[in-house]
Amino acid sequence: MLEPRHPSFESAEAHDLLREHDVAMVIADSAGVWPTMSDATTGIRYIRLHGETELYTSAYSDAALDRWAGHCREWLGRA
């Protein structure tokens, strides 16, 4: 797994390379500090919730958790 922390990973070339080597892209929510990329590069998705409004210290609102749950349902094809 790879948790990108630079916008250069938001490219088709980077995503293709990860797919080619079967490396999962971590979907990291980091209060806008690092890019959040949700493209599947393998058959799994791994989400890290680092903070909704402040990195490592803020809690997630019920609405934000509901949004993340909705994304998970979509990725599972259960939306």
PDB file of N, CA and C in Angstrom:
ATOM      1  N   MET A   1       0.840  -1.182   0.000  1.00  0.00           N
ATOM      2  CA  MET A   1       0.000   0.000   0.000  1.00  0.00           C
ATOM      3  C   MET A   1       0.879   1.236   0.000  1.00  0.00           C
ATOM      4  N   LEU A   2       0.339   2.258  -0.614  1.00  0.00           N
ATOM      5  CA  LEU A   2       1.044   3.528  -0.693  1.00  0.00           C
ATOM      6  C   LEU A   2       0.080   4.640  -0.309  1.00  0.00           C
ATOM      7  N   GLU A   3       0.512   5.493   0.611  1.00  0.00           N
ATOM      8  CA  GLU A   3      -0.293   6.658   0.997  1.00  0.00           C
ATOM      9  C   GLU A   3       0.384   7.899   0.443  1.00  0.00           C
ATOM     10  N   PRO A   4      -0.075   8.376  -0.724  1.00  0.00           N
ATOM     11  CA  PRO A   4       0.572   9.512  -1.371  1.00  0.00           C
ATOM     12  C   PRO A   4       0.431  10.792  -0.555  1.00  0.00           C
ATOM     13  N   ARG A   5       1.486  11.562  -0.562  1.00  0.00           N
ATOM     14  CA  ARG A   5       1.459  12.852   0.121  1.00  0.00           C
ATOM     15  C   ARG A   5       1.971  13.956  -0.792  1.00  0.00           C
ATOM     16  N   HIS A   6       1.878  13.687  -2.072  1.00  0.00           N
ATOM     17  CA  HIS A   6       2.300  14.702  -3.051  1.00  0.00           C
ATOM     18  C   HIS A   6       1.342  14.657  -4.230  1.00  0.00           C
ATOM     19  N   PRO A   7       0.962  15.826  -4.753  1.00  0.00           N
ATOM     20  CA  PRO A   7       0.001  15.874  -5.858  1.00  0.00           C
ATOM     21  C   PRO A   7       0.457  15.152  -7.129  1.00  0.00           C
ATOM     22  N   SER A   8       1.747  14.867  -7.267  1.00  0.00           N
ATOM     23  CA  SER A   8       2.226  14.183  -8.476  1.00  0.00           C
ATOM     24  C   SER A   8       1.616  12.788  -8.611  1.00  0.00           C
ATOM     25  N   PHE A   9       1.098  12.245  -7.529  1.00  0.00           N
ATOM     26  CA  PHE A   9       0.458  10.936  -7.599  1.00  0.00           C
ATOM     27  C   PHE A   9      -0.945  11.013  -8.182  1.00  0.00           C
ATOM     28  N   GLU A  10      -1.446  12.210  -8.421  1.00  0.00           N
ATOM     29  CA  GLU A  10      -2.769  12.379  -9.028  1.00  0.00           C
ATOM     30  C   GLU A  10      -2.671  12.342 -10.548  1.00  0.00           C
ATOM     31  N   SER A  11      -1.846  11.470 -11.063  1.00  0.00           N
ATOM     32  CA  SER A  11      -1.670  11.369 -12.517  1.00  0.00           C
ATOM     33  C   SER A  11      -2.026   9.967 -12.986  1.00  0.00           C
ATOM     34  N   ALA A  12      -2.441   9.885 -14.221  1.00  0.00           N
ATOM     35  CA  ALA A  12      -2.766   8.584 -14.816  1.00  0.00           C
ATOM     36  C   ALA A  12      -1.530   7.683 -14.812  1.00  0.00           C
ATOM     37  N   GLU A  13      -0.367   8.261 -15.054  1.00  0.00           N
ATOM     38  CA  GLU A  13       0.867   7.470 -15.086  1.00  0.00           C
ATOM     39  C   GLU A  13       1.145   6.823 -13.730  1.00  0.00           C
ATOM     40  N   ALA A  14       0.992   7.583 -12.652  1.00  0.00           N
ATOM     41  CA  ALA A  14       1.237   7.042 -11.307  1.00  0.00           C
ATOM     42  C   ALA A  14       0.229   5.944 -10.988  1.00  0.00           C
ATOM     43  N   HIS A  15      -1.035   6.179 -11.311  1.00  0.00           N
ATOM     44  CA  HIS A  15      -2.069   5.182 -11.024  1.00  0.00           C
ATOM     45  C   HIS A  15      -1.851   3.917 -11.859  1.00  0.00           C
ATOM     46  N   ASP A  16      -1.448   4.083 -13.115  1.00  0.00           N
ATOM     47  CA  ASP A  16      -1.165   2.924 -13.963  1.00  0.00           C
ATOM     48  C   ASP A  16       0.008   2.114 -13.408  1.00  0.00           C
ATOM     49  N   LEU A  17       1.035   2.786 -12.924  1.00  0.00           N
ATOM     50  CA  LEU A  17       2.198   2.103 -12.358  1.00  0.00           C
ATOM     51  C   LEU A  17       1.807   1.311 -11.111  1.00  0.00           C
ATOM     52  N   LEU A  18       0.982   1.903 -10.261  1.00  0.00           N
ATOM     53  CA  LEU A  18       0.526   1.197  -9.064  1.00  0.00           C
ATOM     54  C   LEU A  18      -0.304  -0.028  -9.454  1.00  0.00           C
ATOM     55  N   ARG A  19      -1.187   0.129 -10.434  1.00  0.00           N
ATOM     56  CA  ARG A  19      -1.987  -1.021 -10.900  1.00  0.00           C
ATOM     57  C   ARG A  19      -1.097  -2.129 -11.455  1.00  0.00           C
ATOM     58  N   GLU A  20      -0.115  -1.720 -12.259  1.00  0.00           N
ATOM     59  CA  GLU A  20       0.791  -2.690 -12.885  1.00  0.00           C
ATOM     60  C   GLU A  20       1.511  -3.535 -11.833  1.00  0.00           C
ATOM     61  N   HIS A  21       1.822  -2.939 -10.699  1.00  0.00           N
ATOM     62  CA  HIS A  21       2.562  -3.644  -9.650  1.00  0.00           C
ATOM     63  C   HIS A  21       1.667  -4.083  -8.490  1.00  0.00           C
ATOM     64  N   ASP A  22       0.346  -3.969  -8.683  1.00  0.00           N
ATOM     65  CA  ASP A  22      -0.642  -4.395  -7.694  1.00  0.00           C
ATOM     66  C   ASP A  22      -0.413  -3.740  -6.319  1.00  0.00           C
ATOM     67  N   VAL A  23      -0.222  -2.433  -6.353  1.00  0.00           N
ATOM     68  CA  VAL A  23      -0.032  -1.648  -5.126  1.00  0.00           C
ATOM     69  C   VAL A  23      -1.292  -0.837  -4.881  1.00  0.00           C
ATOM     70  N   ALA A  24      -1.876  -1.012  -3.706  1.00  0.00           N
ATOM     71  CA  ALA A  24      -3.104  -0.293  -3.358  1.00  0.00           C
ATOM     72  C   ALA A  24      -2.792   1.158  -3.000  1.00  0.00           C
ATOM     73  N   MET A  25      -3.638   2.036  -3.483  1.00  0.00           N
ATOM     74  CA  MET A  25      -3.552   3.458  -3.145  1.00  0.00           C
ATOM     75  C   MET A  25      -4.390   3.692  -1.890  1.00  0.00           C
ATOM     76  N   VAL A  26      -3.758   4.204  -0.852  1.00  0.00           N
ATOM     77  CA  VAL A  26      -4.489   4.537   0.373  1.00  0.00           C
ATOM     78  C   VAL A  26      -5.323   5.783   0.113  1.00  0.00           C
ATOM     79  N   ILE A  27      -6.569   5.739   0.542  1.00  0.00           N
ATOM     80  CA  ILE A  27      -7.446   6.893   0.442  1.00  0.00           C
ATOM     81  C   ILE A  27      -7.346   7.609   1.778  1.00  0.00           C
ATOM     82  N   ALA A  28      -6.613   8.707   1.805  1.00  0.00           N
ATOM     83  CA  ALA A  28      -6.347   9.401   3.058  1.00  0.00           C
ATOM     84  C   ALA A  28      -7.099  10.724   3.108  1.00  0.00           C
ATOM     85  N   ASP A  29      -7.902  10.882   4.138  1.00  0.00           N
ATOM     86  CA  ASP A  29      -8.557  12.161   4.390  1.00  0.00           C
ATOM     87  C   ASP A  29      -7.723  12.860   5.448  1.00  0.00           C
ATOM     88  N   SER A  30      -7.082  13.947   5.052  1.00  0.00           N
ATOM     89  CA  SER A  30      -6.116  14.599   5.928  1.00  0.00           C
ATOM     90  C   SER A  30      -6.406  16.082   6.108  1.00  0.00           C
ATOM     91  N   ALA A  31      -7.659  16.433   6.221  1.00  0.00           N
ATOM     92  CA  ALA A  31      -8.072  17.824   6.439  1.00  0.00           C
ATOM     93  C   ALA A  31      -7.478  18.758   5.388  1.00  0.00           C
ATOM     94  N   GLY A  32      -7.311  18.239   4.165  1.00  0.00           N
ATOM     95  CA  GLY A  32      -6.811  19.062   3.072  1.00  0.00           C
ATOM     96  C   GLY A  32      -5.305  19.243   3.040  1.00  0.00           C
ATOM     97  N   VAL A  33      -4.566  18.602   3.943  1.00  0.00           N
ATOM     98  CA  VAL A  33      -3.110  18.749   3.972  1.00  0.00           C
ATOM     99  C   VAL A  33      -2.458  17.998   2.814  1.00  0.00           C
ATOM    100  N   TRP A  34      -2.930  16.763   2.563  1.00  0.00           N
ATOM    101  CA  TRP A  34      -2.405  15.957   1.472  1.00  0.00           C
ATOM    102  C   TRP A  34      -3.549  15.619   0.517  1.00  0.00           C
ATOM    103  N   PRO A  35      -3.221  15.244  -0.707  1.00  0.00           N
ATOM    104  CA  PRO A  35      -4.281  14.907  -1.666  1.00  0.00           C
ATOM    105  C   PRO A  35      -5.072  13.673  -1.221  1.00  0.00           C
ATOM    106  N   THR A  36      -6.355  13.670  -1.524  1.00  0.00           N
ATOM    107  CA  THR A  36      -7.203  12.507  -1.284  1.00  0.00           C
ATOM    108  C   THR A  36      -7.525  11.897  -2.631  1.00  0.00           C
ATOM    109  N   MET A  37      -7.003  10.706  -2.877  1.00  0.00           N
ATOM    110  CA  MET A  37      -7.210  10.033  -4.153  1.00  0.00           C
ATOM    111  C   MET A  37      -8.004   8.768  -3.921  1.00  0.00           C
ATOM    112  N   SER A  38      -9.070   8.601  -4.659  1.00  0.00           N
ATOM    113  CA  SER A  38      -9.944   7.449  -4.407  1.00  0.00           C
ATOM    114  C   SER A  38      -9.967   6.442  -5.542  1.00  0.00           C
ATOM    115  N   ASP A  39      -9.093   6.590  -6.528  1.00  0.00           N
ATOM    116  CA  ASP A  39      -9.045   5.612  -7.619  1.00  0.00           C
ATOM    117  C   ASP A  39      -8.581   4.263  -7.088  1.00  0.00           C
ATOM    118  N   ALA A  40      -9.262   3.220  -7.489  1.00  0.00           N
ATOM    119  CA  ALA A  40      -8.854   1.873  -7.107  1.00  0.00           C
ATOM    120  C   ALA A  40      -7.683   1.449  -7.977  1.00  0.00           C
ATOM    121  N   THR A  41      -6.586   1.062  -7.344  1.00  0.00           N
ATOM    122  CA  THR A  41      -5.435   0.557  -8.096  1.00  0.00           C
ATOM    123  C   THR A  41      -5.257  -0.940  -7.871  1.00  0.00           C
ATOM    124  N   THR A  42      -6.031  -1.510  -6.942  1.00  0.00           N
ATOM    125  CA  THR A  42      -6.071  -2.953  -6.708  1.00  0.00           C
ATOM    126  C   THR A  42      -7.511  -3.325  -6.362  1.00  0.00           C
ATOM    127  N   GLY A  43      -7.714  -4.552  -5.965  1.00  0.00           N
ATOM    128  CA  GLY A  43      -9.048  -4.999  -5.596  1.00  0.00           C
ATOM    129  C   GLY A  43      -9.484  -4.590  -4.201  1.00  0.00           C
ATOM    130  N   ILE A  44      -8.630  -3.889  -3.475  1.00  0.00           N
ATOM    131  CA  ILE A  44      -9.004  -3.437  -2.129  1.00  0.00           C
ATOM    132  C   ILE A  44      -8.931  -1.918  -2.049  1.00  0.00           C
ATOM    133  N   ARG A  45      -9.649  -1.383  -1.097  1.00  0.00           N
ATOM    134  CA  ARG A  45      -9.566   0.051  -0.790  1.00  0.00           C
ATOM    135  C   ARG A  45      -9.267   0.177   0.691  1.00  0.00           C
ATOM    136  N   TYR A  46      -8.330   1.040   1.019  1.00  0.00           N
ATOM    137  CA  TYR A  46      -7.921   1.255   2.401  1.00  0.00           C
ATOM    138  C   TYR A  46      -8.072   2.744   2.680  1.00  0.00           C
ATOM    139  N   ILE A  47      -8.865   3.062   3.679  1.00  0.00           N
ATOM    140  CA  ILE A  47      -9.155   4.465   3.994  1.00  0.00           C
ATOM    141  C   ILE A  47      -8.520   4.825   5.323  1.00  0.00           C
ATOM    142  N   ARG A  48      -7.881   5.979   5.379  1.00  0.00           N
ATOM    143  CA  ARG A  48      -7.328   6.499   6.629  1.00  0.00           C
ATOM    144  C   ARG A  48      -7.954   7.858   6.883  1.00  0.00           C
ATOM    145  N   LEU A  49      -8.609   7.978   7.999  1.00  0.00           N
ATOM    146  CA  LEU A  49      -9.263   9.233   8.376  1.00  0.00           C
ATOM    147  C   LEU A  49      -8.378   9.933   9.400  1.00  0.00           C
ATOM    148  N   HIS A  50      -7.584  10.892   8.920  1.00  0.00           N
ATOM    149  CA  HIS A  50      -6.608  11.601   9.762  1.00  0.00           C
ATOM    150  C   HIS A  50      -7.207  12.814  10.472  1.00  0.00           C
ATOM    151  N   GLY A  51      -8.385  13.222  10.105  1.00  0.00           N
ATOM    152  CA  GLY A  51      -9.018  14.385  10.719  1.00  0.00           C
ATOM    153  C   GLY A  51      -9.868  15.117   9.705  1.00  0.00           C
ATOM    154  N   GLU A  52     -11.065  15.485  10.138  1.00  0.00           N
ATOM    155  CA  GLU A  52     -11.981  16.147   9.201  1.00  0.00           C
ATOM    156  C   GLU A  52     -11.583  17.595   8.942  1.00  0.00           C
ATOM    157  N   THR A  53     -11.254  18.332   9.981  1.00  0.00           N
ATOM    158  CA  THR A  53     -10.941  19.751   9.806  1.00  0.00           C
ATOM    159  C   THR A  53      -9.530  20.111  10.251  1.00  0.00           C
ATOM    160  N   GLU A  54      -8.931  19.273  11.089  1.00  0.00           N
ATOM    161  CA  GLU A  54      -7.576  19.524  11.562  1.00  0.00           C
ATOM    162  C   GLU A  54      -6.840  18.190  11.650  1.00  0.00           C
ATOM    163  N   LEU A  55      -5.655  18.153  11.078  1.00  0.00           N
ATOM    164  CA  LEU A  55      -4.889  16.924  10.986  1.00  0.00           C
ATOM    165  C   LEU A  55      -4.615  16.319  12.361  1.00  0.00           C
ATOM    166  N   TYR A  56      -4.978  15.071  12.527  1.00  0.00           N
ATOM    167  CA  TYR A  56      -4.724  14.228  13.704  1.00  0.00           C
ATOM    168  C   TYR A  56      -5.456  14.631  14.980  1.00  0.00           C
ATOM    169  N   THR A  57      -6.176  15.721  14.990  1.00  0.00           N
ATOM    170  CA  THR A  57      -6.801  16.144  16.250  1.00  0.00           C
ATOM    171  C   THR A  57      -8.304  16.358  16.162  1.00  0.00           C
ATOM    172  N   SER A  58      -8.857  16.456  14.992  1.00  0.00           N
ATOM    173  CA  SER A  58     -10.289  16.739  14.910  1.00  0.00           C
ATOM    174  C   SER A  58     -11.088  15.457  14.740  1.00  0.00           C
ATOM    175  N   ALA A  59     -12.241  15.450  15.370  1.00  0.00           N
ATOM    176  CA  ALA A  59     -13.163  14.324  15.235  1.00  0.00           C
ATOM    177  C   ALA A  59     -13.959  14.488  13.940  1.00  0.00           C
ATOM    178  N   TYR A  60     -14.674  13.436  13.575  1.00  0.00           N
ATOM    179  CA  TYR A  60     -15.524  13.477  12.395  1.00  0.00           C
ATOM    180  C   TYR A  60     -16.976  13.639  12.822  1.00  0.00           C
ATOM    181  N   SER A  61     -17.671  14.518  12.133  1.00  0.00           N
ATOM    182  CA  SER A  61     -19.096  14.705  12.415  1.00  0.00           C
ATOM    183  C   SER A  61     -19.859  13.478  11.921  1.00  0.00           C
ATOM    184  N   ASP A  62     -21.066  13.319  12.426  1.00  0.00           N
ATOM    185  CA  ASP A  62     -21.913  12.223  11.948  1.00  0.00           C
ATOM    186  C   ASP A  62     -22.148  12.333  10.445  1.00  0.00           C
ATOM    187  N   ALA A  63     -22.338  13.559   9.964  1.00  0.00           N
ATOM    188  CA  ALA A  63     -22.571  13.759   8.523  1.00  0.00           C
ATOM    189  C   ALA A  63     -21.356  13.328   7.708  1.00  0.00           C
ATOM    190  N   ALA A  64     -20.152  13.656   8.183  1.00  0.00           N
ATOM    191  CA  ALA A  64     -18.939  13.265   7.465  1.00  0.00           C
ATOM    192  C   ALA A  64     -18.788  11.746   7.450  1.00  0.00           C
ATOM    193  N   LEU A  65     -19.062  11.093   8.573  1.00  0.00           N
ATOM    194  CA  LEU A  65     -18.979   9.638   8.628  1.00  0.00           C
ATOM    195  C   LEU A  65     -20.026   8.999   7.724  1.00  0.00           C
ATOM    196  N   ASP A  66     -21.205   9.613   7.654  1.00  0.00           N
ATOM    197  CA  ASP A  66     -22.239   9.127   6.737  1.00  0.00           C
ATOM    198  C   ASP A  66     -21.769   9.229   5.285  1.00  0.00           C
ATOM    199  N   ARG A  67     -21.077  10.326   4.933  1.00  0.00           N
ATOM    200  CA  ARG A  67     -20.539  10.479   3.572  1.00  0.00           C
ATOM    201  C   ARG A  67     -19.518   9.385   3.275  1.00  0.00           C
ATOM    202  N   TRP A  68     -18.613   9.130   4.216  1.00  0.00           N
ATOM    203  CA  TRP A  68     -17.616   8.074   4.020  1.00  0.00           C
ATOM    204  C   TRP A  68     -18.285   6.713   3.891  1.00  0.00           C
ATOM    205  N   ALA A  69     -19.304   6.465   4.700  1.00  0.00           N
ATOM    206  CA  ALA A  69     -20.043   5.201   4.603  1.00  0.00           C
ATOM    207  C   ALA A  69     -20.700   5.080   3.233  1.00  0.00           C
ATOM    208  N   GLY A  70     -21.220   6.190   2.714  1.00  0.00           N
ATOM    209  CA  GLY A  70     -21.810   6.193   1.379  1.00  0.00           C
ATOM    210  C   GLY A  70     -20.788   5.852   0.306  1.00  0.00           C
ATOM    211  N   HIS A  71     -19.581   6.424   0.427  1.00  0.00           N
ATOM    212  CA  HIS A  71     -18.512   6.086  -0.522  1.00  0.00           C
ATOM    213  C   HIS A  71     -18.217   4.591  -0.469  1.00  0.00           C
ATOM    214  N   CYS A  72     -18.132   4.053   0.738  1.00  0.00           N
ATOM    215  CA  CYS A  72     -17.842   2.619   0.892  1.00  0.00           C
ATOM    216  C   CYS A  72     -18.929   1.771   0.245  1.00  0.00           C
ATOM    217  N   ARG A  73     -20.172   2.158   0.449  1.00  0.00           N
ATOM    218  CA  ARG A  73     -21.269   1.417  -0.174  1.00  0.00           C
ATOM    219  C   ARG A  73     -21.176   1.489  -1.701  1.00  0.00           C
ATOM    220  N   GLU A  74     -20.836   2.669  -2.238  1.00  0.00           N
ATOM    221  CA  GLU A  74     -20.675   2.809  -3.692  1.00  0.00           C
ATOM    222  C   GLU A  74     -19.569   1.892  -4.195  1.00  0.00           C
ATOM    223  N   TRP A  75     -18.418   1.880  -3.504  1.00  0.00           N
ATOM    224  CA  TRP A  75     -17.302   1.042  -3.934  1.00  0.00           C
ATOM    225  C   TRP A  75     -17.644  -0.424  -3.879  1.00  0.00           C
ATOM    226  N   LEU A  76     -18.538  -0.800  -2.977  1.00  0.00           N
ATOM    227  CA  LEU A  76     -18.982  -2.191  -2.870  1.00  0.00           C
ATOM    228  C   LEU A  76     -20.139  -2.507  -3.825  1.00  0.00           C
ATOM    229  N   GLY A  77     -20.624  -1.477  -4.518  1.00  0.00           N
ATOM    230  CA  GLY A  77     -21.738  -1.660  -5.427  1.00  0.00           C
ATOM    231  C   GLY A  77     -23.070  -1.794  -4.709  1.00  0.00           C
ATOM    232  N   ARG A  78     -23.176  -1.195  -3.539  1.00  0.00           N
ATOM    233  CA  ARG A  78     -24.387  -1.305  -2.725  1.00  0.00           C
ATOM    234  C   ARG A  78     -25.064   0.040  -2.514  1.00  0.00           C
ATOM    235  N   ALA A  79     -24.783   0.987  -3.372  1.00  0.00           N
ATOM    236  CA  ALA A  79     -25.366   2.323  -3.197  1.00  0.00           C
ATOM    237  C   ALA A  79     -26.845   2.340  -3.502  1.00  0.00           C
TER     238      ALA A  79
END
